[in-house]
Amino acid sequence: MEQSVSYNRIVVKAGTALLTYGTDSPNVEVMSGLVDQMALLHQGGAKVILVSSGAVAAGRNALGRGKETSVQFRQALAAVGQSHLMHMYQDLFGQHDITVAQVLLTLNDVGERRTRGQKLRDLNVRNTLASLLDLGVLPIINENDVVAVDELAGAGFGDNDNLSARVARAADAELLVMLGTVDGLYTGDPTVDPDAELIPTISHFDKQIRAHAGAPRDQKGRGGMATKMDAAALATEGGVDVFIASGLEPNILARLTQGERLGTFCPASQDAKESRKNWLKKNVTKSGWVVVDNGAADVLLQKNRSLLPVGVTSVAGTFERGDTIQIRNTRGIQIAAGVANYNSVELDQIKGVRSDSIAEVLGDHYGDEVVHRRDMIRL
């Protein structure tokens, strides 16, 4: 049976405590239940991304080792466990005829875009996720613990919470569901405080709310509610609705996407498109731009299409791939801005040519578009 959804693009984050519930290794029954729910969303037309913890637990189970906790040892466990975890997901999603892809990321891949390298990694992540989703593939994401030790050392993402928020923004998701073994954010620790109450909605992440985030904490997870608050704040600022809920609740994903309020709901503080538009406006480079012909200008402004090289007539100044550049019409008026998929030197070589000739001219190919419509604003 297929399940229709009101959210078109959804990121699901599953924590370690949930995926290993009741055991020290991945719980196949829990994983199977979550996969069944995501499969229904996928089959109902939603684009679903899974951010999964559990690699260290899977590696520890595979090696049959004890509780050593050094960073290097957990890196080794993660390296072993990733393949075991992905094999389990491949089998479970394969039962629904869904192809999955493993995507390992670090903080710099989806973090602040300050340097050229970070801009390129962010662009590559956005393009890769978009391509996978367009192909009907379900991406499964985890932090690349072999090269990024911050999370394992307890000072990084926090059990993939902030990673899921950054992924949700990079993928232009509309909903992020962070699932653990706790129902949501409480006014206190319900395991010790009988008067603790679930907070159903958080619209502002003020000091009072953050004070509640010290408890409760998933026993086997590294994040706790504090990192979930940080992640929720980051996601909602980017136009993403957030639910913090228990993955042990029956049919939790279907119920949330159908409008039922469970756990703690954090509504987006602004529209996702408006957030992206504001970000692009603030980051337009002044060092270079492109000029497009009248036909391309009309297509960009009237039909919300991507900019192709055939519509570019000239390239001015210098810019790198990943920079946000101005797009001007033949009168020199800026009509749009967007993230460049080619640098100024490359674009000068392919201006005016058809997209199917890019590889022939450059010897390489980053896509048919000079600027994709998802990374463009019209002015």
Protein backbone atom coordinates (compact mmCIF):
# COMPACT_ATOMS: atom_id res chain seq x y z
CA MET A 1 0.00 0.00 0.00
CA GLU A 2 1.34 3.44 -0.92
CA GLN A 3 1.20 6.37 1.46
CA SER A 4 0.53 9.90 0.17
CA VAL A 5 2.43 12.65 1.99
CA SER A 6 2.12 16.39 2.47
CA TYR A 7 5.91 16.87 2.60
CA ASN A 8 7.75 16.27 -0.67
CA ARG A 9 11.32 16.11 0.63
CA ILE A 10 12.02 14.51 4.02
CA VAL A 11 15.18 13.82 6.02
CA VAL A 12 14.91 11.11 8.68
CA LYS A 13 17.63 10.93 11.33
CA ALA A 14 17.84 7.66 13.30
CA GLY A 15 20.02 7.70 16.42
CA THR A 16 22.21 4.97 17.83
CA ALA A 17 20.02 4.33 20.88
CA LEU A 18 17.06 3.68 18.61
CA LEU A 19 18.86 1.50 16.08
CA THR A 20 20.39 -0.65 18.84
CA TYR A 21 17.30 -0.63 21.07
CA GLY A 22 17.43 -3.43 23.65
CA THR A 23 20.81 -4.72 22.49
CA ASP A 24 24.44 -3.71 21.90
CA SER A 25 24.23 -4.21 18.13
CA PRO A 26 21.90 -3.04 15.33
CA ASN A 27 18.34 -4.17 16.09
CA VAL A 28 17.03 -5.71 12.88
CA GLU A 29 13.41 -5.51 14.01
CA VAL A 30 13.65 -1.77 14.72
CA MET A 31 15.56 -1.10 11.49
CA SER A 32 13.07 -3.13 9.48
CA GLY A 33 10.15 -1.17 10.91
CA LEU A 34 11.77 2.16 10.06
CA VAL A 35 12.66 0.99 6.56
CA ASP A 36 9.07 -0.14 5.97
CA GLN A 37 7.84 3.32 6.93
CA MET A 38 10.36 5.13 4.75
CA ALA A 39 9.51 2.81 1.87
CA LEU A 40 5.86 3.85 2.10
CA LEU A 41 6.84 7.50 1.98
CA HIS A 42 9.15 6.85 -0.96
CA GLN A 43 6.48 4.92 -2.84
CA GLY A 44 3.99 7.68 -2.09
CA GLY A 45 6.12 10.15 -4.03
CA ALA A 46 8.29 11.69 -1.30
CA LYS A 47 12.03 12.20 -1.70
CA VAL A 48 13.50 10.58 1.42
CA ILE A 49 17.02 10.86 2.86
CA LEU A 50 18.13 8.79 5.84
CA VAL A 51 20.84 10.03 8.21
CA SER A 52 21.79 6.91 10.12
CA SER A 53 23.94 6.36 13.17
CA GLY A 54 24.95 2.89 14.32
CA ALA A 55 28.21 2.24 12.46
CA VAL A 56 30.29 1.97 15.64
CA ALA A 57 27.77 -0.43 17.20
CA ALA A 58 27.72 -2.51 14.02
CA GLY A 59 31.52 -2.64 13.96
CA ARG A 60 31.73 -3.61 17.62
CA ASN A 61 29.26 -6.43 16.98
CA ALA A 62 31.13 -7.61 13.87
CA LEU A 63 34.46 -7.74 15.69
CA GLY A 64 33.07 -9.03 18.97
CA ARG A 65 35.18 -6.50 20.87
CA GLY A 66 34.60 -4.97 24.29
CA LYS A 67 33.93 -1.46 25.46
CA GLU A 68 37.21 0.27 24.65
CA THR A 69 36.41 3.94 24.01
CA SER A 70 39.51 5.58 22.49
CA VAL A 71 38.88 7.71 19.41
CA GLN A 72 41.18 5.57 17.25
CA PHE A 73 39.39 2.39 18.28
CA ARG A 74 35.97 3.86 17.53
CA GLN A 75 37.27 5.04 14.15
CA ALA A 76 38.25 1.45 13.38
CA LEU A 77 34.86 0.20 14.56
CA ALA A 78 33.10 2.75 12.36
CA ALA A 79 35.18 1.70 9.33
CA VAL A 80 34.22 -1.94 9.86
CA GLY A 81 30.63 -1.16 10.81
CA GLN A 82 29.73 1.05 7.86
CA SER A 83 29.79 -1.81 5.38
CA HIS A 84 27.83 -4.08 7.73
CA LEU A 85 25.24 -1.37 8.35
CA MET A 86 24.87 -0.61 4.64
CA HIS A 87 24.50 -4.30 3.84
CA MET A 88 21.60 -4.47 6.30
CA TYR A 89 19.96 -1.41 4.76
CA GLN A 90 20.47 -2.75 1.24
CA ASP A 91 18.72 -5.96 2.16
CA LEU A 92 15.85 -4.22 3.94
CA PHE A 93 15.23 -1.56 1.29
CA GLY A 94 15.77 -4.16 -1.44
CA GLN A 95 12.68 -5.95 -0.19
CA HIS A 96 10.79 -2.85 -1.36
CA ASP A 97 12.74 -2.61 -4.64
CA ILE A 98 14.37 0.64 -3.48
CA THR A 99 17.98 1.33 -4.43
CA VAL A 100 20.08 3.00 -1.75
CA ALA A 101 23.37 4.91 -1.87
CA GLN A 102 25.92 5.46 0.87
CA VAL A 103 27.06 9.06 1.37
CA LEU A 104 29.78 9.75 3.95
CA LEU A 105 30.22 13.42 4.91
CA THR A 106 32.29 15.60 7.21
CA LEU A 107 31.46 18.92 8.82
CA ASN A 108 33.32 20.87 6.13
CA ASP A 109 31.32 19.18 3.38
CA VAL A 110 28.07 20.77 4.53
CA GLY A 111 29.30 23.46 6.88
CA GLU A 112 29.84 27.19 6.56
CA ARG A 113 30.89 28.14 3.01
CA ARG A 114 33.87 30.37 3.89
CA THR A 115 36.63 28.96 1.69
CA ARG A 116 36.77 27.91 -1.94
CA GLY A 117 37.12 24.26 -0.92
CA GLN A 118 34.05 24.44 1.30
CA LYS A 119 32.04 26.10 -1.45
CA LEU A 120 32.95 23.33 -3.87
CA ARG A 121 32.17 20.56 -1.38
CA ASP A 122 28.83 22.14 -0.52
CA LEU A 123 27.95 22.44 -4.21
CA ASN A 124 29.05 18.86 -4.87
CA VAL A 125 26.92 17.57 -1.97
CA ARG A 126 23.85 19.50 -3.21
CA ASN A 127 24.33 18.26 -6.77
CA THR A 128 24.93 14.66 -5.72
CA LEU A 129 21.91 14.50 -3.43
CA ALA A 130 19.73 16.12 -6.07
CA SER A 131 20.90 13.64 -8.71
CA LEU A 132 20.32 10.63 -6.43
CA LEU A 133 16.82 11.79 -5.54
CA ASP A 134 15.98 12.49 -9.19
CA LEU A 135 17.06 8.92 -9.99
CA GLY A 136 14.74 7.52 -7.34
CA VAL A 137 17.64 6.47 -5.12
CA LEU A 138 17.37 6.79 -1.33
CA PRO A 139 20.60 8.27 0.11
CA ILE A 140 21.83 6.93 3.45
CA ILE A 141 24.16 9.40 5.13
CA ASN A 142 26.58 9.18 8.02
CA GLU A 143 29.58 11.18 9.13
CA ASN A 144 32.86 9.96 7.71
CA ASP A 145 34.29 9.00 11.09
CA VAL A 146 37.55 7.71 9.60
CA VAL A 147 38.62 11.24 8.68
CA ALA A 148 36.37 13.34 10.96
CA VAL A 149 37.09 12.54 14.60
CA ASP A 150 35.18 15.41 16.23
CA GLU A 151 31.94 13.49 16.67
CA LEU A 152 33.69 10.42 18.04
CA ALA A 153 35.59 12.64 20.46
CA GLY A 154 32.31 14.13 21.64
CA ALA A 155 32.84 17.62 20.24
CA GLY A 156 31.40 17.44 16.76
CA PHE A 157 28.00 16.95 15.21
CA GLY A 158 26.64 15.12 18.26
CA ASP A 159 25.45 11.72 17.06
CA ASN A 160 24.56 13.05 13.62
CA ASP A 161 21.98 15.56 14.91
CA ASN A 162 23.60 18.64 13.40
CA LEU A 163 24.66 16.64 10.38
CA SER A 164 21.00 15.87 9.69
CA ALA A 165 20.11 19.56 9.96
CA ARG A 166 22.85 20.57 7.54
CA VAL A 167 21.83 17.81 5.14
CA ALA A 168 18.20 18.94 5.33
CA ARG A 169 19.23 22.45 4.33
CA ALA A 170 21.62 21.26 1.61
CA ALA A 171 18.93 19.01 0.14
CA ASP A 172 16.21 21.70 0.31
CA ALA A 173 14.16 19.41 2.54
CA GLU A 174 10.83 20.52 3.94
CA LEU A 175 10.85 18.25 6.98
CA LEU A 176 13.47 16.81 9.32
CA VAL A 177 12.40 14.04 11.70
CA MET A 178 14.94 13.27 14.43
CA LEU A 179 14.11 9.88 15.91
CA GLY A 180 15.49 8.45 19.15
CA THR A 181 14.06 6.55 22.10
CA VAL A 182 12.74 9.67 23.87
CA ASP A 183 9.32 11.10 23.01
CA GLY A 184 10.60 14.66 22.62
CA LEU A 185 11.81 17.56 24.74
CA TYR A 186 10.50 17.61 28.32
CA THR A 187 10.51 20.29 30.99
CA GLY A 188 12.71 17.91 33.02
CA ASP A 189 13.98 14.35 32.97
CA PRO A 190 10.81 12.21 33.05
CA THR A 191 12.80 9.23 34.34
CA VAL A 192 13.44 11.03 37.63
CA ASP A 193 10.89 13.87 37.64
CA PRO A 194 7.23 12.70 37.74
CA ASP A 195 6.09 16.28 37.05
CA ALA A 196 8.12 16.61 33.83
CA GLU A 197 5.92 17.45 30.85
CA LEU A 198 6.45 17.05 27.14
CA ILE A 199 6.90 20.35 25.31
CA PRO A 200 4.70 19.93 22.21
CA THR A 201 5.87 22.96 20.22
CA ILE A 202 9.00 25.11 20.16
CA SER A 203 8.85 28.28 18.10
CA HIS A 204 11.76 30.13 19.72
CA PHE A 205 15.00 28.63 21.02
CA ASP A 206 15.42 30.92 24.01
CA LYS A 207 17.41 30.34 27.21
CA GLN A 208 14.45 28.75 28.98
CA ILE A 209 13.96 26.17 26.24
CA ARG A 210 17.67 25.43 26.04
CA ALA A 211 17.76 24.96 29.82
CA HIS A 212 15.30 22.08 29.42
CA ALA A 213 17.55 20.47 26.81
CA GLY A 214 19.97 19.06 29.36
CA ALA A 215 17.74 15.98 29.77
CA PRO A 216 16.64 13.40 28.94
CA ARG A 217 19.47 11.79 26.97
CA ASP A 218 19.49 8.61 24.92
CA GLN A 219 21.73 6.30 26.91
CA LYS A 220 23.65 4.95 23.93
CA GLY A 221 23.59 8.12 21.84
CA ARG A 222 26.18 10.87 22.07
CA GLY A 223 23.95 13.80 21.22
CA GLY A 224 21.24 14.20 23.82
CA MET A 225 18.60 16.92 23.65
CA ALA A 226 21.09 19.80 23.70
CA THR A 227 22.46 18.92 20.27
CA LYS A 228 18.93 18.26 19.01
CA MET A 229 18.03 21.81 20.01
CA ASP A 230 21.07 23.17 18.15
CA ALA A 231 20.15 21.08 15.11
CA ALA A 232 16.49 22.10 15.22
CA ALA A 233 17.45 25.78 15.45
CA LEU A 234 19.74 25.43 12.44
CA ALA A 235 17.15 23.56 10.37
CA THR A 236 14.24 25.87 11.16
CA GLU A 237 16.33 28.92 10.27
CA GLY A 238 16.75 27.32 6.86
CA GLY A 239 13.01 26.86 6.34
CA VAL A 240 12.77 23.22 7.49
CA ASP A 241 10.04 21.94 9.84
CA VAL A 242 11.44 19.67 12.57
CA PHE A 243 9.97 16.89 14.71
CA ILE A 244 11.86 15.37 17.64
CA ALA A 245 10.12 12.10 18.44
CA SER A 246 10.46 8.46 19.42
CA GLY A 247 11.13 5.99 16.66
CA LEU A 248 9.54 3.33 18.86
CA GLU A 249 6.12 4.94 18.36
CA PRO A 250 4.12 2.81 15.88
CA ASN A 251 3.99 4.23 12.32
CA ILE A 252 5.61 7.44 13.53
CA LEU A 253 6.65 8.69 10.08
CA ALA A 254 3.29 8.16 8.41
CA ARG A 255 1.47 9.79 11.31
CA LEU A 256 3.75 12.84 11.37
CA THR A 257 3.57 13.40 7.62
CA GLN A 258 -0.22 13.06 7.73
CA GLY A 259 -0.39 15.95 10.18
CA GLU A 260 -0.58 14.22 13.54
CA ARG A 261 1.36 16.04 16.26
CA LEU A 262 3.64 13.69 18.17
CA GLY A 263 6.79 14.47 20.11
CA THR A 264 8.11 18.03 19.92
CA PHE A 265 7.38 20.10 16.82
CA CYS A 266 9.65 22.97 15.77
CA PRO A 267 8.09 24.93 12.88
CA ALA A 268 10.30 26.59 10.28
CA SER A 269 11.02 30.19 11.23
CA GLN A 270 10.99 31.27 7.59
CA ASP A 271 10.15 29.93 4.16
CA ALA A 272 12.90 27.70 2.72
CA LYS A 273 12.97 29.52 -0.61
CA GLU A 274 13.13 32.87 1.14
CA SER A 275 15.99 31.61 3.31
CA ARG A 276 17.91 30.41 0.27
CA LYS A 277 17.18 33.65 -1.56
CA ASN A 278 18.49 35.75 1.32
CA TRP A 279 21.63 33.62 1.56
CA LEU A 280 22.35 33.96 -2.15
CA LYS A 281 21.80 37.72 -2.06
CA LYS A 282 24.30 38.14 0.76
CA ASN A 283 26.96 36.04 -0.96
CA VAL A 284 27.02 37.39 -4.51
CA THR A 285 30.61 37.94 -5.62
CA LYS A 286 31.58 41.32 -7.05
CA SER A 287 34.59 40.00 -8.92
CA GLY A 288 32.78 38.60 -11.95
CA TRP A 289 29.50 38.06 -13.80
CA VAL A 290 27.97 36.68 -16.96
CA VAL A 291 25.86 38.32 -19.65
CA VAL A 292 23.02 36.39 -21.27
CA ASP A 293 21.11 36.92 -24.49
CA ASN A 294 17.48 38.04 -24.62
CA GLY A 295 16.18 34.51 -25.11
CA ALA A 296 17.98 33.21 -22.04
CA ALA A 297 16.85 36.22 -20.01
CA ASP A 298 13.22 35.55 -20.89
CA VAL A 299 13.55 31.86 -20.01
CA LEU A 300 15.15 32.65 -16.66
CA LEU A 301 12.62 35.29 -15.67
CA GLN A 302 9.42 33.92 -17.14
CA LYS A 303 9.80 30.13 -17.04
CA ASN A 304 11.98 29.54 -13.96
CA ARG A 305 14.55 27.55 -15.96
CA SER A 306 18.24 26.92 -15.39
CA LEU A 307 20.89 28.92 -17.21
CA LEU A 308 22.57 26.90 -19.95
CA PRO A 309 25.88 27.81 -21.62
CA VAL A 310 24.19 28.36 -24.98
CA GLY A 311 22.50 31.45 -23.54
CA VAL A 312 25.71 33.06 -22.24
CA THR A 313 27.20 35.73 -24.52
CA SER A 314 30.13 36.97 -22.42
CA VAL A 315 31.99 36.43 -19.15
CA ALA A 316 33.48 39.30 -17.14
CA GLY A 317 36.02 39.24 -14.33
CA THR A 318 36.98 36.10 -12.45
CA PHE A 319 35.09 33.68 -10.25
CA GLU A 320 35.43 30.09 -9.10
CA ARG A 321 33.08 27.14 -9.33
CA GLY A 322 30.79 27.39 -6.31
CA ASP A 323 30.79 31.22 -6.22
CA THR A 324 27.47 33.06 -6.38
CA ILE A 325 27.65 35.22 -9.48
CA GLN A 326 25.58 37.99 -11.07
CA ILE A 327 23.59 37.25 -14.22
CA ARG A 328 23.08 40.34 -16.41
CA ASN A 329 21.05 41.01 -19.53
CA THR A 330 22.35 42.62 -22.73
CA ARG A 331 21.76 46.09 -21.24
CA GLY A 332 24.04 45.31 -18.29
CA ILE A 333 21.18 45.08 -15.78
CA GLN A 334 21.43 42.33 -13.17
CA ILE A 335 18.38 40.11 -13.54
CA ALA A 336 19.41 37.12 -11.42
CA ALA A 337 22.17 35.57 -9.31
CA GLY A 338 23.18 31.99 -8.68
CA VAL A 339 25.86 29.48 -7.83
CA ALA A 340 28.21 28.90 -10.75
CA ASN A 341 28.74 25.30 -11.82
CA TYR A 342 31.82 26.31 -13.84
CA ASN A 343 34.58 28.85 -13.15
CA SER A 344 35.08 31.96 -15.28
CA VAL A 345 37.83 30.44 -17.43
CA GLU A 346 35.80 27.32 -18.18
CA LEU A 347 32.64 29.29 -18.81
CA ASP A 348 34.42 31.62 -21.23
CA GLN A 349 35.33 28.52 -23.27
CA ILE A 350 31.84 27.04 -23.34
CA LYS A 351 29.74 30.21 -23.66
CA GLY A 352 27.31 29.94 -26.54
CA VAL A 353 27.70 26.17 -26.98
CA ARG A 354 25.12 23.47 -26.47
CA SER A 355 25.24 21.52 -23.21
CA ASP A 356 26.02 18.25 -25.01
CA SER A 357 29.27 19.83 -26.26
CA ILE A 358 30.64 20.85 -22.83
CA ALA A 359 32.71 17.70 -22.30
CA GLU A 360 34.13 17.94 -25.83
CA VAL A 361 35.27 21.55 -25.25
CA LEU A 362 36.54 21.21 -21.66
CA GLY A 363 37.43 17.54 -21.46
CA ASP A 364 35.25 17.45 -18.33
CA HIS A 365 31.60 17.93 -17.41
CA TYR A 366 29.99 19.22 -14.19
CA GLY A 367 26.45 19.23 -15.55
CA ASP A 368 24.41 20.77 -18.33
CA GLU A 369 23.73 23.97 -16.44
CA VAL A 370 25.88 27.02 -15.84
CA VAL A 371 23.58 27.86 -12.92
CA HIS A 372 20.87 25.41 -11.86
CA ARG A 373 17.45 26.85 -11.08
CA ARG A 374 17.55 25.42 -7.53
CA ASP A 375 20.63 27.59 -6.84
CA MET A 376 19.33 30.75 -8.52
CA ILE A 377 17.30 33.78 -7.52
CA ARG A 378 15.53 36.09 -9.96
CA LEU A 379 15.70 39.83 -9.23
